[in-house]
Protein backbone atom coordinates (compact mmCIF):
# COMPACT_ATOMS: atom_id res chain seq x y z
CA MET A 1 21.10 115.30 99.18
CA LYS A 2 24.11 115.18 101.53
CA TYR A 3 23.54 114.76 105.20
CA ALA A 4 26.09 116.15 107.93
CA PHE A 5 26.03 113.01 109.71
CA SER A 6 26.73 110.18 106.98
CA GLY A 7 29.32 108.40 106.02
CA PRO A 8 32.46 106.42 107.74
CA ARG A 9 33.44 109.56 109.86
CA PHE A 10 29.95 109.44 111.47
CA ALA A 11 30.17 105.61 112.17
CA GLY A 12 33.79 105.95 113.73
CA PHE A 13 32.43 108.88 115.66
CA THR A 14 29.55 106.99 117.16
CA LEU A 15 31.53 103.71 117.97
CA ALA A 16 34.01 106.03 120.01
CA LEU A 17 31.22 107.93 121.80
CA LEU A 18 29.84 104.33 122.45
CA PHE A 19 32.89 103.15 123.84
CA VAL A 20 33.49 106.36 126.13
CA CYS A 21 29.92 106.09 127.56
CA SER A 22 30.22 102.49 128.30
CA GLY A 23 33.57 102.96 129.88
CA MET A 24 32.00 105.55 132.33
CA LEU A 25 29.03 103.39 133.02
CA ALA A 26 31.62 100.36 133.88
CA SER A 27 33.38 102.79 135.96
CA LYS A 28 30.52 104.17 138.01
CA ARG A 29 29.32 100.21 138.60
CA ALA A 30 32.89 99.28 139.83
CA GLN A 31 33.09 102.24 141.96
CA SER A 32 29.41 101.29 143.63
CA MET A 33 30.24 97.95 143.89
CA GLN A 34 33.56 98.48 145.80
CA SER A 35 31.95 100.85 148.16
CA SER A 36 29.22 98.58 149.06
CA LYS A 37 31.89 95.74 149.76
CA GLU A 38 33.79 98.03 152.16
CA THR A 39 32.89 99.23 155.27
CA VAL A 40 34.93 101.78 157.52
CA LEU A 41 34.83 100.60 161.24
CA ALA A 42 37.38 103.27 162.60
CA ALA A 43 39.83 105.74 161.32
CA SER A 44 42.41 108.01 162.04
CA ALA A 45 40.99 111.54 162.78
CA ARG A 46 43.95 113.53 161.54
CA ALA A 47 47.43 113.01 159.45
CA ILE A 48 50.12 111.15 161.62
CA GLU A 49 53.80 112.64 161.33
CA LEU A 50 56.26 109.70 162.13
CA THR A 51 59.13 110.39 164.39
CA ALA A 52 62.25 108.38 165.72
CA THR A 53 60.06 107.22 168.64
CA PRO A 54 56.89 105.18 168.43
CA VAL A 55 53.71 107.07 167.47
CA ARG A 56 50.36 105.72 169.10
CA VAL A 57 47.36 106.65 166.67
CA LYS A 58 43.70 106.19 168.12
CA LEU A 59 41.30 104.77 165.54
CA VAL A 60 37.86 106.55 165.98
CA SER A 61 34.60 105.12 164.83
CA GLY A 62 32.80 107.40 162.46
CA LYS A 63 29.44 106.01 163.92
CA SER A 64 27.77 107.93 166.77
CA ASP A 65 27.02 104.86 168.30
CA ALA A 66 29.12 102.92 170.64
CA ASN A 67 28.10 99.77 169.20
CA THR A 68 31.38 99.16 167.16
CA ASN A 69 32.70 96.67 168.97
CA LEU A 70 35.40 95.09 167.04
CA GLY A 71 35.13 91.54 169.11
CA GLN A 72 31.62 91.22 168.24
CA ILE A 73 32.33 92.41 164.50
CA LEU A 74 34.99 89.75 164.10
CA GLN A 75 33.00 87.05 165.54
CA SER A 76 30.10 87.98 163.23
CA LEU A 77 32.12 88.04 160.27
CA SER A 78 31.53 85.89 157.32
CA PRO A 79 34.20 83.82 156.23
CA SER A 80 34.06 85.44 152.81
CA ARG A 81 35.01 88.68 154.32
CA SER A 82 38.05 89.97 156.29
CA LEU A 83 39.40 92.93 158.16
CA TYR A 84 42.12 95.28 156.55
CA LEU A 85 44.11 98.27 158.11
CA GLU A 86 44.35 100.45 154.93
CA LEU A 87 47.24 103.35 155.03
CA ASP A 88 46.45 106.16 152.63
CA GLY A 89 48.76 109.01 151.34
CA LEU A 90 52.12 107.71 152.52
CA GLN A 91 54.45 110.82 151.75
CA ALA A 92 58.08 112.43 152.85
CA VAL A 93 60.27 115.05 151.82
CA LYS A 94 63.16 112.53 151.26
CA GLN A 95 63.53 108.82 152.16
CA PRO A 96 63.45 108.13 155.83
CA GLY A 97 65.73 105.22 155.54
CA THR A 98 64.14 102.80 157.81
CA LEU A 99 61.29 100.29 157.67
CA PHE A 100 58.27 101.04 160.27
CA HIS A 101 56.62 98.35 162.08
CA LEU A 102 52.80 98.63 162.99
CA TYR A 103 51.05 97.17 166.15
CA LEU A 104 47.21 96.79 167.11
CA ASP A 105 46.42 97.82 170.48
CA LEU A 106 49.90 97.51 171.96
CA PRO A 107 49.75 98.29 175.39
CA GLN A 108 51.89 101.14 176.73
CA HIS A 109 53.92 99.05 179.03
CA VAL A 110 55.06 96.54 176.15
CA ALA A 111 57.88 97.30 173.82
CA PRO A 112 57.29 97.08 170.45
CA LYS A 113 59.05 94.19 168.98
CA PRO A 114 58.17 92.22 165.69
CA GLY A 115 56.84 88.67 166.41
CA ASN A 116 54.71 89.57 169.34
CA ALA A 117 51.10 89.09 169.39
CA TRP A 118 50.21 92.77 168.41
CA HIS A 119 52.54 93.01 165.64
CA ILE A 120 50.31 93.41 162.22
CA GLY A 121 52.82 94.07 159.74
CA SER A 122 55.51 96.68 158.33
CA ILE A 123 55.43 99.48 155.66
CA ASN A 124 58.19 101.55 154.25
CA PHE A 125 58.17 104.72 151.96
CA TYR A 126 59.90 103.40 148.98
CA ASN A 127 57.23 105.03 146.67
CA ALA A 128 56.19 107.67 148.75
CA VAL A 129 59.05 110.07 147.41
CA PRO A 130 58.55 110.73 143.76
CA GLY A 131 61.65 110.47 141.57
CA PRO A 132 62.64 113.75 140.00
CA ASP A 133 60.84 112.56 136.59
CA ALA A 134 57.54 111.24 138.27
CA PRO A 135 54.21 113.31 137.99
CA LYS A 136 53.80 115.28 140.85
CA ASP A 137 50.04 115.20 140.98
CA LYS A 138 50.08 111.31 140.99
CA PRO A 139 48.84 110.20 144.32
CA ALA A 140 50.43 107.37 146.26
CA SER A 141 48.85 103.82 146.06
CA PRO A 142 47.14 102.80 149.43
CA VAL A 143 48.67 99.90 151.30
CA SER A 144 46.63 97.48 152.83
CA ILE A 145 47.27 94.99 155.39
CA ASP A 146 45.11 91.98 156.41
CA ILE A 147 44.61 92.03 160.18
CA THR A 148 41.85 89.42 160.43
CA GLY A 149 44.17 86.81 161.82
CA VAL A 150 45.83 89.04 164.43
CA MET A 151 42.67 90.39 165.54
CA ARG A 152 41.20 86.83 165.73
CA ASN A 153 44.34 85.69 167.97
CA LEU A 154 44.28 89.13 170.06
CA LEU A 155 40.38 88.40 170.80
CA SER A 156 40.90 84.63 171.77
CA SER A 157 43.56 85.75 174.33
CA GLN A 158 41.58 88.78 175.36
CA LYS A 159 44.44 91.29 174.34
CA LEU A 160 41.82 93.07 172.09
CA THR A 161 40.74 96.47 173.48
CA SER A 162 37.74 98.53 173.15
CA VAL A 163 39.82 101.57 172.32
CA ASN A 164 41.48 100.58 169.52
CA THR A 165 45.10 102.13 168.65
CA ILE A 166 47.66 101.51 165.92
CA THR A 167 51.17 101.82 167.01
CA ILE A 168 53.99 102.88 164.38
CA ALA A 169 57.57 102.28 165.21
CA PRO A 170 60.76 102.86 163.03
CA THR A 171 63.49 100.05 163.17
CA ARG A 172 66.03 102.56 163.29
CA PRO A 173 66.51 106.49 163.38
CA LEU A 174 65.05 108.53 160.54
CA GLU A 175 67.19 110.29 158.09
CA SER A 176 67.30 113.90 159.06
CA GLY A 177 64.60 116.15 157.42
CA SER A 178 62.78 113.29 155.84
CA LYS A 179 59.39 114.01 157.59
CA PRO A 180 57.52 110.77 156.64
CA MET A 181 53.69 110.99 157.21
CA ILE A 182 50.80 109.20 156.74
CA GLU A 183 47.45 111.36 155.71
CA HIS A 184 45.04 108.57 156.77
CA ILE A 185 44.58 105.12 158.42
CA ALA A 186 41.38 103.30 158.36
CA MET A 187 40.27 99.71 159.72
CA VAL A 188 37.86 98.16 156.98
CA VAL A 189 35.77 95.31 156.38
CA GLN A 190 36.00 93.98 152.84
């Protein structure tokens, strides 16, 4: 009597099924580990369109309480954890042709210049415009900038404010019609 589930085909099918299931379990485990290690402190409320002039974005706490004082969080941060600024969904119609510098809590009366106390890094849109052969549905990788050191310096010099903003300033005029955008900005602890 022959059984429908016997022989080398059944063994290969069983191994393939076990491989797929173990991959799904590992993926779920990795996602739960990542989400438990990352805490969002504040984020942008909407997408940000960048222009030829500096754009100021307010980061809003997702919590209803006002106890998200970044100075206190920074002081209580364990040495194994850091604060990051994550920029997700960088996109443009065409290459903007410029670098953008980012500043944390830059006062309105201070000109944005790299090297000042509020400068946290820079971004470009090199990979934000897909090439003609690139898949259209592939999301861009998020940009992550470690801001722990800058925040510690701002805190020690009493320049860290209770209303956190990110100022994004281009180094030169944008290419016409480029329309660079950032879908989401978040300040996270990892």
